[in-house]
């Protein structure tokens, strides 16, 4: 299966480098099962055009995905998602998630959301990723 470049979104004003935003989105799609081993990523040109970013930014993201073992270059075809084992113990992975969740919860509190509202958002996201 090939994925379309329009599936990705970047926010130039977020403070996170655009290449990192793209890498994080690919990693999230792999983790959720939306991208599976063998799926092809769109060309750097197509992604750059869809996201309105420099092709070198996308190339840097693809190089990072390759160095992390998430994707591999296939001569004449582009980038393919690799089959890779889950890295780290359950405890390590839970700690990594906890670090990310703390930031999200802090932001939710800044937005004035209650525990119930935060849990509602998390449950919706979990439901969406289960599809």
N, C-alpha and C. Protein backbone atom coordinates (compact mmCIF):
# COMPACT_ATOMS: atom_id res chain seq x y z
N UNK A 1 0.85 -1.18 0.00
CA UNK A 1 0.00 0.00 0.00
C UNK A 1 0.89 1.24 0.00
N UNK A 2 0.50 2.23 -0.74
CA UNK A 2 1.19 3.52 -0.73
C UNK A 2 0.36 4.50 0.06
N UNK A 3 1.03 5.44 0.68
CA UNK A 3 0.35 6.44 1.49
C UNK A 3 0.44 7.78 0.76
N UNK A 4 -0.59 8.59 0.86
CA UNK A 4 -0.60 9.86 0.16
C UNK A 4 0.05 10.94 1.01
N UNK A 5 0.71 11.89 0.38
CA UNK A 5 1.38 12.96 1.14
C UNK A 5 0.42 13.86 1.89
N UNK A 6 -0.84 13.91 1.45
CA UNK A 6 -1.82 14.78 2.10
C UNK A 6 -2.17 14.30 3.51
N UNK A 7 -1.80 13.08 3.84
CA UNK A 7 -2.08 12.53 5.17
C UNK A 7 -1.22 13.21 6.25
N UNK A 8 -0.13 13.81 5.84
CA UNK A 8 0.79 14.45 6.78
C UNK A 8 0.46 15.92 6.94
N UNK A 9 0.73 16.44 8.15
CA UNK A 9 0.53 17.86 8.43
C UNK A 9 1.72 18.36 9.24
N UNK A 10 2.14 19.57 8.94
CA UNK A 10 3.21 20.18 9.73
C UNK A 10 2.77 21.57 10.15
N UNK A 11 3.35 22.02 11.25
CA UNK A 11 3.07 23.34 11.76
C UNK A 11 4.40 24.08 11.91
N UNK A 12 4.73 24.97 10.96
CA UNK A 12 6.00 25.68 11.02
C UNK A 12 6.20 26.50 12.29
N UNK A 13 5.12 26.90 12.95
CA UNK A 13 5.23 27.74 14.14
C UNK A 13 5.24 26.94 15.44
N UNK A 14 5.30 25.61 15.36
CA UNK A 14 5.19 24.79 16.58
C UNK A 14 6.45 24.79 17.43
N UNK A 15 7.58 25.16 16.86
CA UNK A 15 8.83 25.09 17.60
C UNK A 15 9.55 23.77 17.40
N UNK A 16 8.87 22.79 16.82
CA UNK A 16 9.48 21.50 16.51
C UNK A 16 9.89 21.54 15.04
N UNK A 17 11.15 21.19 14.74
CA UNK A 17 11.58 21.22 13.34
C UNK A 17 10.63 20.41 12.45
N UNK A 18 10.41 20.91 11.25
CA UNK A 18 9.46 20.27 10.33
C UNK A 18 9.86 18.84 10.03
N UNK A 19 11.15 18.57 9.82
CA UNK A 19 11.56 17.19 9.53
C UNK A 19 11.21 16.28 10.70
N UNK A 20 11.33 16.78 11.94
CA UNK A 20 11.03 15.98 13.13
C UNK A 20 9.53 15.72 13.23
N UNK A 21 8.72 16.74 12.88
CA UNK A 21 7.27 16.54 12.88
C UNK A 21 6.88 15.41 11.93
N UNK A 22 7.51 15.40 10.75
CA UNK A 22 7.22 14.37 9.76
C UNK A 22 7.66 13.00 10.28
N UNK A 23 8.87 12.92 10.81
CA UNK A 23 9.39 11.65 11.35
C UNK A 23 8.46 11.15 12.46
N UNK A 24 8.05 12.03 13.36
CA UNK A 24 7.17 11.64 14.46
C UNK A 24 5.83 11.11 13.94
N UNK A 25 5.31 11.74 12.88
CA UNK A 25 4.04 11.28 12.32
C UNK A 25 4.18 9.89 11.69
N UNK A 26 5.28 9.66 10.98
CA UNK A 26 5.50 8.34 10.40
C UNK A 26 5.63 7.30 11.52
N UNK A 27 6.41 7.61 12.53
CA UNK A 27 6.56 6.68 13.66
C UNK A 27 5.22 6.38 14.32
N UNK A 28 4.38 7.39 14.49
CA UNK A 28 3.06 7.19 15.10
C UNK A 28 2.19 6.31 14.21
N UNK A 29 2.26 6.51 12.91
CA UNK A 29 1.47 5.69 11.99
C UNK A 29 1.94 4.24 11.99
N UNK A 30 3.24 4.05 12.11
CA UNK A 30 3.78 2.69 12.19
C UNK A 30 3.32 2.04 13.49
N UNK A 31 3.43 2.78 14.59
CA UNK A 31 3.05 2.24 15.90
C UNK A 31 1.56 1.90 15.96
N UNK A 32 0.74 2.70 15.29
CA UNK A 32 -0.71 2.48 15.33
C UNK A 32 -1.18 1.44 14.33
N UNK A 33 -0.29 1.05 13.41
CA UNK A 33 -0.67 0.07 12.40
C UNK A 33 -1.23 0.68 11.12
N UNK A 34 -1.31 2.02 11.07
CA UNK A 34 -1.77 2.66 9.84
C UNK A 34 -0.75 2.49 8.72
N UNK A 35 0.51 2.39 9.09
CA UNK A 35 1.57 2.05 8.13
C UNK A 35 2.11 0.69 8.55
N UNK A 36 2.21 -0.19 7.58
CA UNK A 36 2.67 -1.55 7.86
C UNK A 36 3.94 -1.84 7.07
N UNK A 37 4.69 -2.83 7.51
CA UNK A 37 5.89 -3.22 6.76
C UNK A 37 5.55 -3.46 5.29
N UNK A 38 6.36 -2.87 4.42
CA UNK A 38 6.13 -3.00 2.99
C UNK A 38 5.40 -1.82 2.37
N UNK A 39 4.71 -1.01 3.19
CA UNK A 39 4.03 0.17 2.67
C UNK A 39 5.07 1.16 2.15
N UNK A 40 4.74 1.82 1.06
CA UNK A 40 5.64 2.79 0.45
C UNK A 40 5.26 4.21 0.88
N UNK A 41 6.27 4.99 1.23
CA UNK A 41 6.06 6.40 1.54
C UNK A 41 6.05 7.19 0.24
N UNK A 42 5.37 8.32 0.20
CA UNK A 42 5.36 9.14 -1.02
C UNK A 42 6.75 9.70 -1.31
N UNK A 43 6.96 10.10 -2.54
CA UNK A 43 8.26 10.65 -2.93
C UNK A 43 8.54 11.95 -2.18
N UNK A 44 9.82 12.28 -2.07
CA UNK A 44 10.19 13.52 -1.39
C UNK A 44 9.55 14.71 -2.09
N UNK A 45 9.51 14.65 -3.41
CA UNK A 45 8.93 15.76 -4.18
C UNK A 45 7.44 15.92 -3.85
N UNK A 46 6.71 14.80 -3.83
CA UNK A 46 5.27 14.87 -3.54
C UNK A 46 5.00 15.39 -2.13
N UNK A 47 5.78 14.91 -1.15
CA UNK A 47 5.59 15.36 0.23
C UNK A 47 5.92 16.84 0.34
N UNK A 48 7.04 17.25 -0.25
CA UNK A 48 7.45 18.66 -0.19
C UNK A 48 6.37 19.56 -0.79
N UNK A 49 5.82 19.13 -1.90
CA UNK A 49 4.78 19.92 -2.55
C UNK A 49 3.52 19.99 -1.69
N UNK A 50 3.09 18.85 -1.15
CA UNK A 50 1.86 18.82 -0.35
C UNK A 50 2.00 19.63 0.94
N UNK A 51 3.18 19.56 1.56
CA UNK A 51 3.39 20.27 2.83
C UNK A 51 3.93 21.69 2.65
N UNK A 52 4.25 22.02 1.39
CA UNK A 52 4.83 23.32 1.06
C UNK A 52 6.11 23.57 1.84
N UNK A 53 7.02 22.59 1.77
CA UNK A 53 8.32 22.69 2.42
C UNK A 53 9.41 22.36 1.40
N UNK A 54 10.64 22.64 1.76
CA UNK A 54 11.78 22.35 0.91
C UNK A 54 11.98 20.84 0.80
N UNK A 55 12.35 20.37 -0.40
CA UNK A 55 12.59 18.94 -0.60
C UNK A 55 13.71 18.42 0.29
N UNK A 56 14.68 19.26 0.62
CA UNK A 56 15.78 18.83 1.49
C UNK A 56 15.27 18.53 2.91
N UNK A 57 14.21 19.22 3.33
CA UNK A 57 13.61 18.96 4.63
C UNK A 57 13.03 17.55 4.66
N UNK A 58 12.33 17.19 3.60
CA UNK A 58 11.74 15.85 3.50
C UNK A 58 12.84 14.81 3.37
N UNK A 59 13.87 15.13 2.60
CA UNK A 59 14.99 14.21 2.43
C UNK A 59 15.67 13.95 3.78
N UNK A 60 15.80 14.99 4.59
CA UNK A 60 16.39 14.83 5.92
C UNK A 60 15.52 13.92 6.78
N UNK A 61 14.21 14.09 6.69
CA UNK A 61 13.28 13.24 7.44
C UNK A 61 13.42 11.80 6.99
N UNK A 62 13.49 11.57 5.69
CA UNK A 62 13.63 10.21 5.17
C UNK A 62 14.95 9.59 5.60
N UNK A 63 16.01 10.38 5.60
CA UNK A 63 17.31 9.87 6.06
C UNK A 63 17.24 9.48 7.53
N UNK A 64 16.54 10.28 8.33
CA UNK A 64 16.39 9.97 9.75
C UNK A 64 15.59 8.68 9.93
N UNK A 65 14.50 8.53 9.17
CA UNK A 65 13.70 7.31 9.25
C UNK A 65 14.53 6.09 8.86
N UNK A 66 15.40 6.27 7.88
CA UNK A 66 16.27 5.18 7.45
C UNK A 66 17.29 4.84 8.54
N UNK A 67 17.90 5.86 9.13
CA UNK A 67 18.91 5.61 10.16
C UNK A 67 18.29 5.01 11.42
N UNK A 68 17.02 5.29 11.67
CA UNK A 68 16.33 4.72 12.83
C UNK A 68 15.78 3.33 12.54
N UNK A 69 15.91 2.88 11.28
CA UNK A 69 15.44 1.54 10.93
C UNK A 69 13.95 1.44 10.70
N UNK A 70 13.29 2.58 10.54
CA UNK A 70 11.84 2.59 10.32
C UNK A 70 11.52 2.36 8.85
N UNK A 71 12.35 2.92 7.97
CA UNK A 71 12.12 2.80 6.53
C UNK A 71 13.45 2.49 5.84
N UNK A 72 13.32 1.95 4.63
CA UNK A 72 14.52 1.65 3.84
C UNK A 72 14.32 2.14 2.42
N UNK A 73 15.43 2.54 1.82
CA UNK A 73 15.37 2.99 0.42
C UNK A 73 15.33 1.77 -0.49
N UNK A 74 14.41 1.82 -1.44
CA UNK A 74 14.30 0.76 -2.42
C UNK A 74 14.62 1.38 -3.78
N UNK A 75 15.72 0.98 -4.34
CA UNK A 75 16.21 1.57 -5.58
C UNK A 75 15.09 1.61 -6.64
N UNK A 76 14.83 2.80 -7.14
CA UNK A 76 13.85 3.00 -8.19
C UNK A 76 12.40 3.07 -7.72
N UNK A 77 12.18 2.82 -6.44
CA UNK A 77 10.80 2.82 -5.94
C UNK A 77 10.56 3.86 -4.85
N UNK A 78 11.55 4.15 -4.04
CA UNK A 78 11.38 5.12 -2.96
C UNK A 78 11.65 4.51 -1.60
N UNK A 79 10.89 4.95 -0.62
CA UNK A 79 11.07 4.52 0.77
C UNK A 79 9.97 3.54 1.16
N UNK A 80 10.40 2.43 1.75
CA UNK A 80 9.47 1.39 2.18
C UNK A 80 9.58 1.22 3.70
N UNK A 81 8.44 1.04 4.34
CA UNK A 81 8.42 0.81 5.78
C UNK A 81 9.01 -0.57 6.05
N UNK A 82 9.94 -0.62 7.00
CA UNK A 82 10.61 -1.87 7.38
C UNK A 82 9.78 -2.62 8.40
N UNK A 83 10.04 -3.90 8.46
CA UNK A 83 9.48 -4.64 9.58
C UNK A 83 10.52 -4.54 10.69
N UNK A 84 10.11 -4.02 11.80
CA UNK A 84 11.07 -3.83 12.88
C UNK A 84 10.46 -4.26 14.20
N UNK A 85 11.27 -4.83 15.05
CA UNK A 85 10.75 -5.24 16.35
C UNK A 85 10.50 -4.01 17.22
N UNK A 86 9.62 -4.16 18.19
CA UNK A 86 9.37 -3.10 19.15
C UNK A 86 10.63 -2.96 20.01
N UNK A 87 11.10 -1.75 20.17
CA UNK A 87 12.34 -1.51 20.90
C UNK A 87 12.05 -1.17 22.36
N UNK A 88 12.85 -1.72 23.24
CA UNK A 88 12.74 -1.40 24.66
C UNK A 88 11.76 -2.32 25.38
N UNK A 89 11.92 -2.36 26.69
CA UNK A 89 11.01 -3.16 27.51
C UNK A 89 9.68 -2.42 27.64
N UNK A 90 8.67 -3.11 28.13
CA UNK A 90 7.38 -2.48 28.36
C UNK A 90 7.54 -1.31 29.33
N UNK A 91 8.33 -1.50 30.35
CA UNK A 91 8.56 -0.43 31.33
C UNK A 91 9.20 0.79 30.67
N UNK A 92 10.19 0.57 29.81
CA UNK A 92 10.85 1.69 29.12
C UNK A 92 9.89 2.40 28.17
N UNK A 93 9.09 1.62 27.46
CA UNK A 93 8.13 2.22 26.52
C UNK A 93 7.04 2.99 27.27
N UNK A 94 6.60 2.45 28.42
CA UNK A 94 5.61 3.16 29.22
C UNK A 94 6.18 4.46 29.76
N UNK A 95 7.45 4.46 30.15
CA UNK A 95 8.08 5.68 30.66
C UNK A 95 8.18 6.72 29.54
N UNK A 96 8.54 6.29 28.35
CA UNK A 96 8.63 7.22 27.22
C UNK A 96 7.26 7.84 26.95
N UNK A 97 6.22 7.01 26.98
CA UNK A 97 4.87 7.52 26.78
C UNK A 97 4.47 8.47 27.91
N UNK A 98 4.82 8.12 29.13
CA UNK A 98 4.48 8.95 30.29
C UNK A 98 5.08 10.35 30.13
N UNK A 99 6.32 10.43 29.64
CA UNK A 99 6.98 11.72 29.44
C UNK A 99 6.20 12.58 28.44
N UNK A 100 5.71 11.96 27.38
CA UNK A 100 4.93 12.68 26.36
C UNK A 100 3.57 13.07 26.93
N UNK A 101 2.94 12.14 27.65
CA UNK A 101 1.62 12.38 28.21
C UNK A 101 1.64 13.53 29.23
N UNK A 102 2.71 13.62 30.02
CA UNK A 102 2.82 14.72 31.00
C UNK A 102 2.73 16.07 30.31
N UNK A 103 3.43 16.20 29.19
CA UNK A 103 3.41 17.47 28.45
C UNK A 103 2.00 17.76 27.93
N UNK A 104 1.34 16.71 27.41
CA UNK A 104 0.00 16.89 26.87
C UNK A 104 -0.98 17.27 27.98
N UNK A 105 -0.86 16.63 29.12
CA UNK A 105 -1.77 16.93 30.24
C UNK A 105 -1.52 18.34 30.77
N UNK A 106 -0.25 18.72 30.82
CA UNK A 106 0.08 20.09 31.25
C UNK A 106 -0.60 21.09 30.32
N UNK A 107 -0.53 20.83 29.01
CA UNK A 107 -1.16 21.74 28.04
C UNK A 107 -2.68 21.72 28.20
N UNK A 108 -3.25 20.55 28.44
CA UNK A 108 -4.69 20.46 28.64
C UNK A 108 -5.12 21.28 29.85
N UNK A 109 -4.32 21.24 30.89
CA UNK A 109 -4.62 22.03 32.10
C UNK A 109 -4.56 23.53 31.77
N UNK A 110 -3.57 23.92 30.97
CA UNK A 110 -3.46 25.32 30.56
C UNK A 110 -4.70 25.75 29.79
N UNK A 111 -5.30 24.82 29.07
CA UNK A 111 -6.50 25.11 28.29
C UNK A 111 -7.77 25.04 29.14
N UNK A 112 -7.60 24.70 30.42
CA UNK A 112 -8.73 24.67 31.33
C UNK A 112 -9.61 23.43 31.23
N UNK A 113 -9.07 22.34 30.72
CA UNK A 113 -9.85 21.12 30.59
C UNK A 113 -9.89 20.35 31.92
N UNK A 114 -11.03 19.73 32.20
CA UNK A 114 -11.18 18.91 33.40
C UNK A 114 -10.63 17.51 33.14
N UNK A 115 -10.51 16.72 34.21
CA UNK A 115 -10.06 15.33 34.05
C UNK A 115 -10.97 14.57 33.08
N UNK A 116 -12.27 14.75 33.22
CA UNK A 116 -13.22 14.05 32.36
C UNK A 116 -13.05 14.46 30.90
N UNK A 117 -12.82 15.75 30.66
CA UNK A 117 -12.63 16.22 29.29
C UNK A 117 -11.34 15.67 28.70
N UNK A 118 -10.29 15.63 29.51
CA UNK A 118 -9.01 15.09 29.04
C UNK A 118 -9.17 13.61 28.70
N UNK A 119 -9.80 12.86 29.62
CA UNK A 119 -10.01 11.42 29.37
C UNK A 119 -10.88 11.19 28.14
N UNK A 120 -11.85 12.05 27.93
CA UNK A 120 -12.71 11.94 26.75
C UNK A 120 -11.89 12.09 25.46
N UNK A 121 -10.98 13.05 25.46
CA UNK A 121 -10.11 13.26 24.29
C UNK A 121 -9.21 12.05 24.09
N UNK A 122 -8.60 11.56 25.17
CA UNK A 122 -7.71 10.39 25.07
C UNK A 122 -8.48 9.18 24.57
N UNK A 123 -9.67 8.95 25.10
CA UNK A 123 -10.48 7.81 24.66
C UNK A 123 -10.86 7.92 23.19
N UNK A 124 -11.15 9.13 22.73
CA UNK A 124 -11.47 9.35 21.31
C UNK A 124 -10.26 9.02 20.44
N UNK A 125 -9.10 9.47 20.86
CA UNK A 125 -7.87 9.18 20.10
C UNK A 125 -7.61 7.68 20.06
N UNK A 126 -7.77 7.02 21.20
CA UNK A 126 -7.57 5.57 21.23
C UNK A 126 -8.54 4.86 20.30
N UNK A 127 -9.78 5.31 20.29
CA UNK A 127 -10.79 4.72 19.40
C UNK A 127 -10.40 4.94 17.94
N UNK A 128 -9.96 6.14 17.61
CA UNK A 128 -9.58 6.46 16.22
C UNK A 128 -8.39 5.62 15.77
N UNK A 129 -7.44 5.36 16.67
CA UNK A 129 -6.25 4.58 16.32
C UNK A 129 -6.53 3.08 16.29
N UNK A 130 -7.64 2.66 16.86
CA UNK A 130 -7.98 1.24 16.86
C UNK A 130 -8.57 0.80 15.54
N UNK A 131 -8.94 1.73 14.70
CA UNK A 131 -9.57 1.38 13.41
C UNK A 131 -8.61 0.76 12.46
